[in-house]
Amino acid sequence: MPPARPRVLYVTDLAYPARGRRYGDEDVFLTSRLREHLDLALCHPRDAAALMDGFDAVVVRNSGPVLAYQDAYDAFRERASATGTPVYNPLTGRGDMAGKQYLLDLSAAGHPVIPTVDRPEDLHRLPDTERYVVKPRLGADSIGLRIVPADEVRGLVDGDVLVQPHIDFAYEVSFYFVDHDVQYALHAPHPESRWQLEPYEPTPSDLDFARGFIDWNTLDHGIQRVDACRAPGGELLLVELEDLNPYLSLDALDDAGREAFVSAMAASLRRFLRDAGVTDG
């Protein structure tokens, strides 16, 4: 008899109403291809803790902002830790998976990040500007994000928000990684249309920039998206390091690009399951 294939629980919210994105379509496509390599079952993130014991591993994909189901997510993490169930991406990420603290840490350490503070007494560390971005420390998907004039920002810094200067950037660009290998890059040439993405050919310095954050995050396995903006001075600045459930915008790729990504993800999952002791090869 052929060896049993790994049984994987694939966590996704197919009905999440993402602005400018079709979560369900992306995960229907991915799972249709991954079924060639694994035995898969899909579930909503609210059901993951209750169902995971019947599977060898869990893959978290387009599961939506955790804030919408925080108790269920906490229960899932606790259950995975208690049972030792392998989770992909591993739950040790230091980026958005753990909140926005990393933006403060990276900014304080001098990394190429949009300057970020969370205390009124640190506002002087930010460049003078007419407008500031105020975002929840535990925010996601731009939930709760506000752009406010300079004379209002001090009264909003209450410990639960982060403050950044509002930057008139040329465009946003995202770099998509599987494990430590970049797969493709996409950019939004029109700042007002974040999710109208087009292929982007990164320069060597662009890739060095993105890889620096992937290396910092120390995840051996998984899918990560490095979001950056092209500042007025021409440099790239980190906007977000998405390491929990990054939307991949696969619909912006051609057929060959999508298939190449599936191949990379399948190979990554095989390595992950092998290293977790689920498979022998």
Protein backbone atom coordinates (compact mmCIF):
# COMPACT_ATOMS: atom_id res chain seq x y z
CA MET A 1 0.00 0.00 0.00
CA PRO A 2 1.23 3.55 -0.68
CA PRO A 3 2.21 5.51 2.43
CA ALA A 4 -0.56 7.54 4.03
CA ARG A 5 -0.58 11.16 2.98
CA PRO A 6 -0.42 13.91 5.61
CA ARG A 7 -3.82 15.11 6.83
CA VAL A 8 -3.85 18.91 6.94
CA LEU A 9 -6.49 21.28 8.30
CA TYR A 10 -6.53 24.40 6.13
CA VAL A 11 -7.89 27.42 8.03
CA THR A 12 -9.58 30.10 5.95
CA ASP A 13 -12.58 32.42 6.01
CA LEU A 14 -13.88 32.02 2.49
CA ALA A 15 -16.59 34.64 3.05
CA TYR A 16 -14.47 37.39 4.61
CA PRO A 17 -15.43 40.65 2.84
CA ALA A 18 -11.93 41.96 2.13
CA ARG A 19 -11.78 45.29 0.35
CA GLY A 20 -10.35 44.84 -3.12
CA ARG A 21 -9.46 41.18 -2.53
CA ARG A 22 -11.22 37.85 -3.00
CA TYR A 23 -10.04 35.66 -0.13
CA GLY A 24 -12.27 32.76 -1.09
CA ASP A 25 -11.11 32.60 -4.70
CA GLU A 26 -7.46 32.54 -3.69
CA ASP A 27 -7.89 29.69 -1.21
CA VAL A 28 -10.12 27.68 -3.52
CA PHE A 29 -7.33 27.88 -6.11
CA LEU A 30 -4.56 27.02 -3.65
CA THR A 31 -6.33 24.07 -2.11
CA SER A 32 -7.27 22.70 -5.53
CA ARG A 33 -3.55 22.44 -6.30
CA LEU A 34 -2.31 21.39 -2.87
CA ARG A 35 -4.70 18.42 -2.85
CA GLU A 36 -2.29 16.80 -5.28
CA HIS A 37 0.20 16.59 -2.40
CA LEU A 38 -1.87 16.42 0.82
CA ASP A 39 -5.21 15.32 2.21
CA LEU A 40 -6.91 18.62 2.98
CA ALA A 41 -10.00 19.81 4.81
CA LEU A 42 -11.02 23.46 5.06
CA CYS A 43 -12.45 25.09 8.17
CA HIS A 44 -13.36 28.53 9.48
CA PRO A 45 -10.89 29.99 12.03
CA ARG A 46 -13.56 29.80 14.75
CA ASP A 47 -13.63 26.01 14.34
CA ALA A 48 -9.89 25.32 14.19
CA ALA A 49 -9.33 24.52 17.89
CA ALA A 50 -12.19 22.03 17.95
CA LEU A 51 -11.17 20.22 14.75
CA MET A 52 -7.38 20.23 14.77
CA ASP A 53 -6.88 17.03 16.79
CA GLY A 54 -7.95 14.99 13.77
CA PHE A 55 -5.09 16.26 11.63
CA ASP A 56 -1.32 15.99 11.38
CA ALA A 57 -0.83 19.73 10.88
CA VAL A 58 -2.67 23.01 10.43
CA VAL A 59 -2.14 25.55 7.65
CA VAL A 60 -3.39 29.08 8.40
CA ARG A 61 -4.14 31.05 5.27
CA ASN A 62 -6.72 33.76 4.51
CA SER A 63 -8.35 33.63 7.92
CA GLY A 64 -9.10 37.36 8.23
CA PRO A 65 -8.17 39.78 11.04
CA VAL A 66 -7.77 37.95 14.34
CA LEU A 67 -9.61 40.78 16.12
CA ALA A 68 -12.86 39.40 14.68
CA TYR A 69 -12.42 36.12 16.56
CA GLN A 70 -9.79 36.82 19.23
CA ASP A 71 -11.07 34.27 21.78
CA ALA A 72 -11.20 31.50 19.18
CA TYR A 73 -7.70 32.39 17.97
CA ASP A 74 -6.31 32.35 21.50
CA ALA A 75 -7.93 28.95 22.08
CA PHE A 76 -6.40 27.67 18.84
CA ARG A 77 -2.92 28.80 19.83
CA GLU A 78 -3.27 27.29 23.28
CA ARG A 79 -4.51 24.00 21.83
CA ALA A 80 -1.70 23.84 19.29
CA SER A 81 0.87 24.49 22.00
CA ALA A 82 -0.64 21.89 24.34
CA THR A 83 -0.82 19.15 21.72
CA GLY A 84 2.33 20.01 19.78
CA THR A 85 0.36 20.19 16.53
CA PRO A 86 2.55 21.71 13.80
CA VAL A 87 1.15 25.01 12.52
CA TYR A 88 2.19 26.66 9.25
CA ASN A 89 3.14 29.46 9.56
CA PRO A 90 4.75 28.53 12.88
CA LEU A 91 3.30 30.57 15.73
CA THR A 92 6.67 32.07 16.67
CA GLY A 93 6.54 34.96 14.19
CA ARG A 94 7.76 38.34 15.41
CA GLY A 95 5.86 40.42 12.84
CA ASP A 96 2.13 41.09 12.62
CA MET A 97 1.47 37.69 14.19
CA ALA A 98 2.55 39.20 17.50
CA GLY A 99 0.94 42.63 17.05
CA LYS A 100 2.55 45.89 15.99
CA GLN A 101 5.27 46.07 18.65
CA TYR A 102 7.83 45.12 16.04
CA LEU A 103 7.35 48.50 14.32
CA LEU A 104 8.40 50.25 17.51
CA ASP A 105 11.33 47.89 18.06
CA LEU A 106 12.61 48.15 14.50
CA SER A 107 12.16 51.92 14.43
CA ALA A 108 14.04 52.35 17.71
CA ALA A 109 16.85 50.12 16.41
CA GLY A 110 17.30 52.23 13.28
CA HIS A 111 15.96 49.81 10.68
CA PRO A 112 14.41 51.24 7.48
CA VAL A 113 10.88 51.46 8.88
CA ILE A 114 8.38 54.30 8.87
CA PRO A 115 9.28 56.08 12.14
CA THR A 116 6.91 54.85 14.85
CA VAL A 117 6.26 55.84 18.48
CA ASP A 118 3.59 55.06 21.06
CA ARG A 119 4.16 57.65 23.82
CA PRO A 120 3.45 61.39 23.86
CA GLU A 121 6.94 62.11 25.14
CA ASP A 122 8.42 60.39 22.06
CA LEU A 123 6.51 62.39 19.44
CA HIS A 124 9.54 64.63 18.98
CA ARG A 125 11.33 61.65 17.45
CA LEU A 126 9.03 61.76 14.45
CA PRO A 127 9.62 64.09 11.50
CA ASP A 128 7.56 67.27 11.56
CA THR A 129 4.60 66.91 9.25
CA GLU A 130 1.14 68.35 8.82
CA ARG A 131 -0.57 64.96 9.24
CA TYR A 132 0.06 61.80 11.22
CA VAL A 133 -1.19 58.23 10.95
CA VAL A 134 -2.66 56.81 14.15
CA LYS A 135 -3.28 53.05 14.15
CA PRO A 136 -4.30 50.56 16.86
CA ARG A 137 -1.44 48.57 18.36
CA LEU A 138 -3.40 45.39 17.65
CA GLY A 139 -4.97 46.57 14.40
CA ALA A 140 -5.20 44.76 11.09
CA ASP A 141 -6.53 45.43 7.59
CA SER A 142 -6.54 49.20 8.31
CA ILE A 143 -9.23 48.71 10.99
CA GLY A 144 -9.23 51.78 13.22
CA LEU A 145 -6.55 53.61 11.24
CA ARG A 146 -6.91 57.40 11.25
CA ILE A 147 -5.08 60.26 9.56
CA VAL A 148 -5.13 63.31 11.81
CA PRO A 149 -3.68 66.85 11.73
CA ALA A 150 -0.59 67.59 13.79
CA ASP A 151 -2.47 69.62 16.40
CA GLU A 152 -4.67 66.65 17.31
CA VAL A 153 -2.19 63.81 17.50
CA ARG A 154 -0.92 64.30 21.08
CA GLY A 155 -4.38 63.87 22.57
CA LEU A 156 -4.79 60.49 20.84
CA VAL A 157 -1.63 58.80 22.13
CA ASP A 158 -3.03 56.67 24.95
CA GLY A 159 -0.79 53.59 24.92
CA ASP A 160 -3.11 51.57 22.70
CA VAL A 161 -2.11 53.22 19.43
CA LEU A 162 0.98 53.78 17.32
CA VAL A 163 1.79 57.09 15.65
CA GLN A 164 3.66 57.56 12.38
CA PRO A 165 4.22 60.54 10.10
CA HIS A 166 1.95 60.59 7.08
CA ILE A 167 4.29 60.00 4.15
CA ASP A 168 3.43 61.09 0.61
CA PHE A 169 5.03 58.02 -0.89
CA ALA A 170 5.33 57.34 -4.61
CA TYR A 171 3.88 53.82 -4.39
CA GLU A 172 3.62 50.74 -2.21
CA VAL A 173 5.39 47.51 -3.09
CA SER A 174 5.08 44.04 -1.61
CA PHE A 175 7.59 41.19 -1.65
CA TYR A 176 6.22 37.65 -1.27
CA PHE A 177 8.41 34.99 0.32
CA VAL A 178 8.12 31.25 0.83
CA ASP A 179 10.54 30.26 3.57
CA HIS A 180 13.52 32.53 2.82
CA ASP A 181 13.09 32.69 -0.96
CA VAL A 182 11.36 35.59 -2.70
CA GLN A 183 8.74 34.38 -5.17
CA TYR A 184 7.54 37.62 -6.77
CA ALA A 185 6.92 41.29 -6.10
CA LEU A 186 3.88 43.44 -6.82
CA HIS A 187 3.35 47.16 -6.55
CA ALA A 188 0.42 49.55 -6.44
CA PRO A 189 1.41 52.35 -8.82
CA HIS A 190 -1.50 54.50 -7.65
CA PRO A 191 -1.32 55.19 -3.87
CA GLU A 192 -5.07 55.68 -3.61
CA SER A 193 -5.69 52.14 -4.98
CA ARG A 194 -3.79 49.83 -2.62
CA TRP A 195 -5.07 46.58 -4.09
CA GLN A 196 -4.79 47.38 -7.79
CA LEU A 197 -1.49 45.58 -8.10
CA GLU A 198 0.87 45.07 -10.98
CA PRO A 199 4.04 42.99 -11.34
CA TYR A 200 7.17 44.72 -10.08
CA GLU A 201 10.77 43.92 -11.00
CA PRO A 202 12.79 44.42 -7.79
CA THR A 203 16.32 45.72 -7.87
CA PRO A 204 19.08 43.96 -5.93
CA SER A 205 18.86 46.65 -3.25
CA ASP A 206 15.08 46.15 -3.05
CA LEU A 207 15.61 42.45 -2.41
CA ASP A 208 18.30 43.13 0.19
CA PHE A 209 15.83 45.42 1.95
CA ALA A 210 13.08 42.79 2.00
CA ARG A 211 15.35 39.88 2.95
CA GLY A 212 16.63 41.86 5.91
CA PHE A 213 13.19 41.67 7.53
CA ILE A 214 12.69 38.02 6.61
CA ASP A 215 16.03 37.21 8.27
CA TRP A 216 15.07 39.29 11.31
CA ASN A 217 11.86 37.31 11.74
CA THR A 218 13.71 33.97 12.03
CA LEU A 219 10.86 31.79 10.70
CA ASP A 220 12.36 28.71 9.07
CA HIS A 221 9.13 27.82 7.28
CA GLY A 222 6.13 29.69 5.99
CA ILE A 223 4.75 32.44 3.78
CA GLN A 224 5.54 36.07 4.51
CA ARG A 225 4.78 39.38 2.81
CA VAL A 226 7.00 42.41 3.25
CA ASP A 227 5.04 45.60 2.54
CA ALA A 228 7.00 48.78 1.89
CA CYS A 229 6.55 52.27 0.49
CA ARG A 230 8.86 54.27 -1.76
CA ALA A 231 9.54 57.39 0.26
CA PRO A 232 10.03 60.84 -1.31
CA GLY A 233 13.79 60.43 -0.98
CA GLY A 234 13.71 57.23 -3.05
CA GLU A 235 14.37 54.80 -0.20
CA LEU A 236 12.10 51.95 0.79
CA LEU A 237 10.52 51.99 4.25
CA LEU A 238 8.77 49.05 5.88
CA VAL A 239 5.01 49.42 6.27
CA GLU A 240 4.17 45.93 7.52
CA LEU A 241 5.70 42.49 7.97
CA GLU A 242 2.76 40.12 7.52
CA ASP A 243 3.66 36.68 8.85
CA LEU A 244 0.33 35.23 10.00
CA ASN A 245 -2.04 35.08 7.03
CA PRO A 246 -0.78 37.33 4.23
CA TYR A 247 -3.08 37.67 1.25
CA LEU A 248 -1.02 36.73 -1.80
CA SER A 249 -2.76 38.57 -4.68
CA LEU A 250 -2.23 35.54 -6.89
CA ASP A 251 -4.79 36.93 -9.31
CA ALA A 252 -2.23 39.59 -10.27
CA LEU A 253 0.12 36.88 -11.59
CA ASP A 254 -0.03 35.01 -14.87
CA ASP A 255 -0.71 31.26 -14.94
CA ALA A 256 2.99 30.39 -14.85
CA GLY A 257 3.54 32.65 -11.84
CA ARG A 258 0.66 31.10 -9.92
CA GLU A 259 1.82 27.57 -10.64
CA ALA A 260 5.38 28.47 -9.61
CA PHE A 261 4.06 29.74 -6.29
CA VAL A 262 2.05 26.57 -5.70
CA SER A 263 5.15 24.47 -6.38
CA ALA A 264 7.18 26.54 -3.92
CA MET A 265 4.48 26.33 -1.24
CA ALA A 266 4.07 22.57 -1.70
CA ALA A 267 7.83 22.05 -1.40
CA SER A 268 7.89 24.25 1.71
CA LEU A 269 5.06 22.26 3.28
CA ARG A 270 6.88 19.00 2.59
CA ARG A 271 9.98 20.34 4.34
CA PHE A 272 7.89 21.67 7.21
CA LEU A 273 6.07 18.36 7.72
CA ARG A 274 9.34 16.43 7.49
CA ASP A 275 11.04 18.64 10.06
CA ALA A 276 7.99 18.32 12.31
CA GLY A 277 8.24 14.53 12.14
CA VAL A 278 4.97 14.09 10.25
CA THR A 279 6.58 12.56 7.16
CA ASP A 280 9.90 10.89 6.33
CA GLY A 281 10.61 12.79 3.14
